[in-house]
Amino acid sequence: MIETLLVVQILLTIAIVISILLQKSSSIGLGAYSGSNDSMFGAKGPAGFLSKATFTLSLLFVLNTLAMGYLYNQENDSSVADTINTATSVPTADHNKSTK
């Protein structure tokens, strides 16, 4: 299940980047290539549609991130620190030997 959500996360990331780059900025940027004002998006052009799409995609991104975190924590009960055997990983010094 986490693998599926990870693929969805990657696709959402790509879609958010594309929707942000297509928006009109103060220096026009890539928004100039999004079409004319007489498009199917309405009189304002794609600005309203792209801002709503960006908001929706970002909301889905956050919800997907929360779902991935929840499912990952449910599957992995133990911590990495629980698997460390402290008796073998920490060397002990032998203080009983005397040096001559």
N, C-alpha and C. Protein backbone atom coordinates (compact mmCIF):
# COMPACT_ATOMS: atom_id res chain seq x y z
N MET A 1 0.82 -1.20 0.00
CA MET A 1 0.00 0.00 0.00
C MET A 1 0.86 1.26 0.00
N ILE A 2 1.97 1.20 0.75
CA ILE A 2 2.84 2.37 0.82
C ILE A 2 3.49 2.63 -0.54
N GLU A 3 3.79 1.56 -1.28
CA GLU A 3 4.39 1.73 -2.60
C GLU A 3 3.43 2.46 -3.53
N THR A 4 2.16 2.13 -3.45
CA THR A 4 1.15 2.80 -4.28
C THR A 4 1.05 4.27 -3.91
N LEU A 5 1.04 4.56 -2.61
CA LEU A 5 0.97 5.95 -2.17
C LEU A 5 2.22 6.72 -2.55
N LEU A 6 3.35 6.04 -2.60
CA LEU A 6 4.59 6.70 -3.02
C LEU A 6 4.54 7.08 -4.49
N VAL A 7 3.98 6.21 -5.32
CA VAL A 7 3.81 6.52 -6.74
C VAL A 7 2.85 7.70 -6.91
N VAL A 8 1.77 7.69 -6.14
CA VAL A 8 0.81 8.80 -6.19
C VAL A 8 1.49 10.09 -5.74
N GLN A 9 2.35 10.00 -4.73
CA GLN A 9 3.07 11.17 -4.22
C GLN A 9 3.96 11.77 -5.31
N ILE A 10 4.65 10.93 -6.05
CA ILE A 10 5.53 11.40 -7.12
C ILE A 10 4.71 12.06 -8.23
N LEU A 11 3.59 11.44 -8.59
CA LEU A 11 2.73 12.02 -9.63
C LEU A 11 2.14 13.35 -9.18
N LEU A 12 1.74 13.45 -7.91
CA LEU A 12 1.22 14.72 -7.39
C LEU A 12 2.29 15.80 -7.40
N THR A 13 3.51 15.42 -7.08
CA THR A 13 4.61 16.39 -7.09
C THR A 13 4.83 16.94 -8.49
N ILE A 14 4.83 16.07 -9.47
CA ILE A 14 5.02 16.51 -10.86
C ILE A 14 3.86 17.40 -11.29
N ALA A 15 2.64 17.04 -10.93
CA ALA A 15 1.47 17.84 -11.31
C ALA A 15 1.49 19.21 -10.64
N ILE A 16 1.93 19.28 -9.39
CA ILE A 16 2.00 20.58 -8.70
C ILE A 16 3.04 21.48 -9.36
N VAL A 17 4.18 20.91 -9.69
CA VAL A 17 5.23 21.70 -10.33
C VAL A 17 4.74 22.24 -11.67
N ILE A 18 4.07 21.41 -12.44
CA ILE A 18 3.56 21.85 -13.75
C ILE A 18 2.51 22.94 -13.58
N SER A 19 1.59 22.77 -12.62
CA SER A 19 0.54 23.77 -12.44
C SER A 19 1.10 25.09 -11.92
N ILE A 20 2.16 25.05 -11.14
CA ILE A 20 2.78 26.30 -10.67
C ILE A 20 3.51 26.99 -11.81
N LEU A 21 4.21 26.21 -12.63
CA LEU A 21 4.95 26.82 -13.73
C LEU A 21 4.04 27.40 -14.81
N LEU A 22 2.84 26.89 -14.95
CA LEU A 22 1.93 27.40 -15.97
C LEU A 22 1.19 28.66 -15.52
N GLN A 23 1.24 28.98 -14.24
CA GLN A 23 0.53 30.16 -13.76
C GLN A 23 1.23 31.43 -14.19
N LYS A 24 0.43 32.45 -14.39
CA LYS A 24 0.97 33.74 -14.81
C LYS A 24 1.60 34.43 -13.61
N SER A 25 2.82 34.89 -13.80
CA SER A 25 3.50 35.60 -12.73
C SER A 25 3.68 37.06 -13.13
N SER A 26 4.35 37.83 -12.28
CA SER A 26 4.56 39.24 -12.61
C SER A 26 5.49 39.40 -13.81
N SER A 27 6.37 38.44 -14.01
CA SER A 27 7.25 38.50 -15.18
C SER A 27 6.78 37.56 -16.28
N ILE A 28 5.56 37.15 -16.24
CA ILE A 28 4.86 36.27 -17.17
C ILE A 28 5.39 34.85 -17.13
N GLY A 29 6.67 34.59 -17.20
CA GLY A 29 7.22 33.24 -17.09
C GLY A 29 6.64 32.28 -18.10
N LEU A 30 6.37 31.07 -17.68
CA LEU A 30 5.80 30.07 -18.58
C LEU A 30 4.30 30.23 -18.75
N GLY A 31 3.68 31.15 -18.03
CA GLY A 31 2.25 31.38 -18.16
C GLY A 31 1.86 31.90 -19.53
N ALA A 32 2.82 32.46 -20.25
CA ALA A 32 2.55 32.98 -21.58
C ALA A 32 2.20 31.86 -22.55
N TYR A 33 2.62 30.66 -22.27
CA TYR A 33 2.37 29.54 -23.18
C TYR A 33 1.09 28.78 -22.85
N SER A 34 0.30 29.29 -21.93
CA SER A 34 -0.89 28.54 -21.51
C SER A 34 -2.10 28.82 -22.37
N GLY A 35 -2.02 29.68 -23.34
CA GLY A 35 -3.14 29.91 -24.23
C GLY A 35 -3.66 31.33 -24.11
N SER A 36 -4.67 31.64 -24.89
CA SER A 36 -5.23 32.99 -24.89
C SER A 36 -6.36 33.10 -23.89
N ASN A 37 -6.87 34.32 -23.74
CA ASN A 37 -7.98 34.54 -22.82
C ASN A 37 -9.29 33.99 -23.34
N ASP A 38 -9.37 33.70 -24.60
CA ASP A 38 -10.60 33.16 -25.18
C ASP A 38 -10.63 31.65 -25.13
N SER A 39 -9.99 31.08 -24.15
CA SER A 39 -9.93 29.63 -24.05
C SER A 39 -11.16 29.09 -23.33
N MET A 40 -11.15 27.82 -23.10
CA MET A 40 -12.30 27.17 -22.47
C MET A 40 -12.37 27.44 -20.97
N PHE A 41 -11.36 28.11 -20.40
CA PHE A 41 -11.33 28.35 -18.96
C PHE A 41 -12.18 29.54 -18.54
N GLY A 42 -12.61 30.37 -19.47
CA GLY A 42 -13.44 31.52 -19.14
C GLY A 42 -12.80 32.82 -19.54
N ALA A 43 -13.43 33.94 -19.15
CA ALA A 43 -12.97 35.26 -19.55
C ALA A 43 -11.65 35.63 -18.88
N LYS A 44 -11.42 35.16 -17.68
CA LYS A 44 -10.18 35.48 -16.98
C LYS A 44 -9.01 34.63 -17.48
N GLY A 45 -9.26 33.71 -18.33
CA GLY A 45 -8.20 32.83 -18.79
C GLY A 45 -7.98 31.70 -17.80
N PRO A 46 -6.84 31.05 -17.88
CA PRO A 46 -6.59 29.88 -17.03
C PRO A 46 -6.15 30.22 -15.60
N ALA A 47 -6.07 31.51 -15.26
CA ALA A 47 -5.55 31.89 -13.95
C ALA A 47 -6.40 31.31 -12.81
N GLY A 48 -7.70 31.45 -12.89
CA GLY A 48 -8.58 30.93 -11.84
C GLY A 48 -8.56 29.42 -11.78
N PHE A 49 -8.57 28.79 -12.93
CA PHE A 49 -8.55 27.33 -12.98
C PHE A 49 -7.24 26.78 -12.44
N LEU A 50 -6.12 27.39 -12.84
CA LEU A 50 -4.82 26.89 -12.39
C LEU A 50 -4.61 27.10 -10.90
N SER A 51 -5.10 28.20 -10.36
CA SER A 51 -4.94 28.42 -8.92
C SER A 51 -5.79 27.43 -8.13
N LYS A 52 -6.98 27.12 -8.61
CA LYS A 52 -7.82 26.11 -7.94
C LYS A 52 -7.21 24.72 -8.08
N ALA A 53 -6.65 24.44 -9.24
CA ALA A 53 -6.02 23.13 -9.45
C ALA A 53 -4.78 22.98 -8.57
N THR A 54 -4.00 24.05 -8.43
CA THR A 54 -2.83 24.01 -7.57
C THR A 54 -3.22 23.80 -6.12
N PHE A 55 -4.27 24.49 -5.68
CA PHE A 55 -4.74 24.32 -4.31
C PHE A 55 -5.22 22.89 -4.07
N THR A 56 -5.98 22.35 -5.02
CA THR A 56 -6.49 20.98 -4.88
C THR A 56 -5.36 19.96 -4.87
N LEU A 57 -4.41 20.13 -5.77
CA LEU A 57 -3.27 19.21 -5.82
C LEU A 57 -2.43 19.29 -4.56
N SER A 58 -2.24 20.49 -4.03
CA SER A 58 -1.44 20.62 -2.81
C SER A 58 -2.18 20.02 -1.61
N LEU A 59 -3.49 20.15 -1.57
CA LEU A 59 -4.27 19.52 -0.49
C LEU A 59 -4.16 18.00 -0.58
N LEU A 60 -4.27 17.46 -1.78
CA LEU A 60 -4.10 16.02 -1.97
C LEU A 60 -2.70 15.56 -1.60
N PHE A 61 -1.70 16.40 -1.89
CA PHE A 61 -0.32 16.08 -1.54
C PHE A 61 -0.15 15.97 -0.03
N VAL A 62 -0.72 16.92 0.70
CA VAL A 62 -0.61 16.90 2.17
C VAL A 62 -1.34 15.70 2.75
N LEU A 63 -2.54 15.43 2.26
CA LEU A 63 -3.31 14.27 2.76
C LEU A 63 -2.59 12.96 2.45
N ASN A 64 -2.00 12.87 1.27
CA ASN A 64 -1.26 11.66 0.90
C ASN A 64 -0.02 11.50 1.78
N THR A 65 0.65 12.60 2.10
CA THR A 65 1.81 12.54 2.98
C THR A 65 1.42 12.06 4.37
N LEU A 66 0.32 12.57 4.90
CA LEU A 66 -0.15 12.13 6.21
C LEU A 66 -0.54 10.65 6.20
N ALA A 67 -1.19 10.21 5.13
CA ALA A 67 -1.58 8.80 5.03
C ALA A 67 -0.35 7.90 4.94
N MET A 68 0.66 8.33 4.20
CA MET A 68 1.89 7.53 4.11
C MET A 68 2.59 7.45 5.45
N GLY A 69 2.64 8.54 6.17
CA GLY A 69 3.28 8.53 7.49
C GLY A 69 2.54 7.65 8.47
N TYR A 70 1.21 7.70 8.45
CA TYR A 70 0.41 6.88 9.35
C TYR A 70 0.59 5.39 9.04
N LEU A 71 0.49 5.04 7.77
CA LEU A 71 0.61 3.62 7.39
C LEU A 71 2.02 3.10 7.65
N TYR A 72 3.03 3.93 7.44
CA TYR A 72 4.40 3.49 7.69
C TYR A 72 4.61 3.22 9.17
N ASN A 73 4.08 4.08 10.03
CA ASN A 73 4.22 3.87 11.47
C ASN A 73 3.42 2.66 11.96
N GLN A 74 2.33 2.33 11.31
CA GLN A 74 1.55 1.15 11.70
C GLN A 74 2.28 -0.13 11.33
N GLU A 75 2.99 -0.12 10.21
CA GLU A 75 3.69 -1.33 9.76
C GLU A 75 4.98 -1.56 10.54
N ASN A 76 5.65 -0.50 10.93
CA ASN A 76 6.93 -0.63 11.62
C ASN A 76 6.76 -0.26 13.09
N ASP A 77 6.60 -1.30 13.92
CA ASP A 77 6.38 -1.08 15.34
C ASP A 77 7.68 -0.77 16.08
N SER A 78 8.77 -1.37 15.65
CA SER A 78 10.02 -1.23 16.39
C SER A 78 10.89 -0.14 15.79
N SER A 79 11.76 0.37 16.61
CA SER A 79 12.70 1.38 16.20
C SER A 79 14.02 0.73 15.79
N VAL A 80 14.85 1.47 15.10
CA VAL A 80 16.16 0.96 14.74
C VAL A 80 16.99 0.75 16.01
N ALA A 81 16.78 1.60 16.98
CA ALA A 81 17.52 1.48 18.24
C ALA A 81 17.16 0.20 18.98
N ASP A 82 15.99 -0.35 18.76
CA ASP A 82 15.60 -1.60 19.41
C ASP A 82 16.38 -2.79 18.87
N THR A 83 16.89 -2.69 17.67
CA THR A 83 17.60 -3.82 17.05
C THR A 83 19.08 -3.83 17.38
N ILE A 84 19.57 -2.78 18.00
CA ILE A 84 21.00 -2.71 18.33
C ILE A 84 21.25 -3.50 19.60
N ASN A 85 22.21 -4.38 19.54
CA ASN A 85 22.60 -5.16 20.71
C ASN A 85 23.76 -4.42 21.38
N THR A 86 23.48 -3.79 22.49
CA THR A 86 24.50 -2.95 23.13
C THR A 86 25.64 -3.76 23.71
N ALA A 87 25.41 -5.03 24.02
CA ALA A 87 26.47 -5.84 24.62
C ALA A 87 27.58 -6.14 23.62
N THR A 88 27.24 -6.28 22.35
CA THR A 88 28.26 -6.61 21.35
C THR A 88 28.76 -5.39 20.60
N SER A 89 28.03 -4.31 20.60
CA SER A 89 28.44 -3.17 19.80
C SER A 89 29.36 -2.22 20.55
N VAL A 90 29.36 -2.25 21.88
CA VAL A 90 30.21 -1.36 22.66
C VAL A 90 31.36 -2.17 23.23
N PRO A 91 32.59 -1.85 22.84
CA PRO A 91 33.73 -2.61 23.38
C PRO A 91 33.96 -2.24 24.84
N THR A 92 34.30 -3.22 25.60
CA THR A 92 34.58 -2.98 27.02
C THR A 92 36.07 -3.11 27.27
N ALA A 93 36.59 -2.27 28.14
CA ALA A 93 38.01 -2.31 28.49
C ALA A 93 38.20 -3.24 29.67
N ASP A 94 39.26 -4.02 29.63
CA ASP A 94 39.55 -4.94 30.73
C ASP A 94 40.46 -4.22 31.72
N HIS A 95 39.88 -3.80 32.85
CA HIS A 95 40.61 -3.04 33.84
C HIS A 95 41.36 -3.92 34.84
N ASN A 96 41.19 -5.22 34.78
CA ASN A 96 41.83 -6.11 35.73
C ASN A 96 43.28 -6.40 35.39
N LYS A 97 43.66 -6.18 34.14
CA LYS A 97 45.04 -6.42 33.75
C LYS A 97 45.91 -5.28 34.18
N SER A 98 47.01 -5.57 34.70
CA SER A 98 47.95 -4.52 35.08
C SER A 98 49.12 -4.54 34.12
N THR A 99 49.57 -3.39 33.77
CA THR A 99 50.69 -3.29 32.83
C THR A 99 51.99 -3.16 33.62
N LYS A 100 53.01 -3.87 33.23
CA LYS A 100 54.30 -3.82 33.94
C LYS A 100 55.35 -3.16 33.11
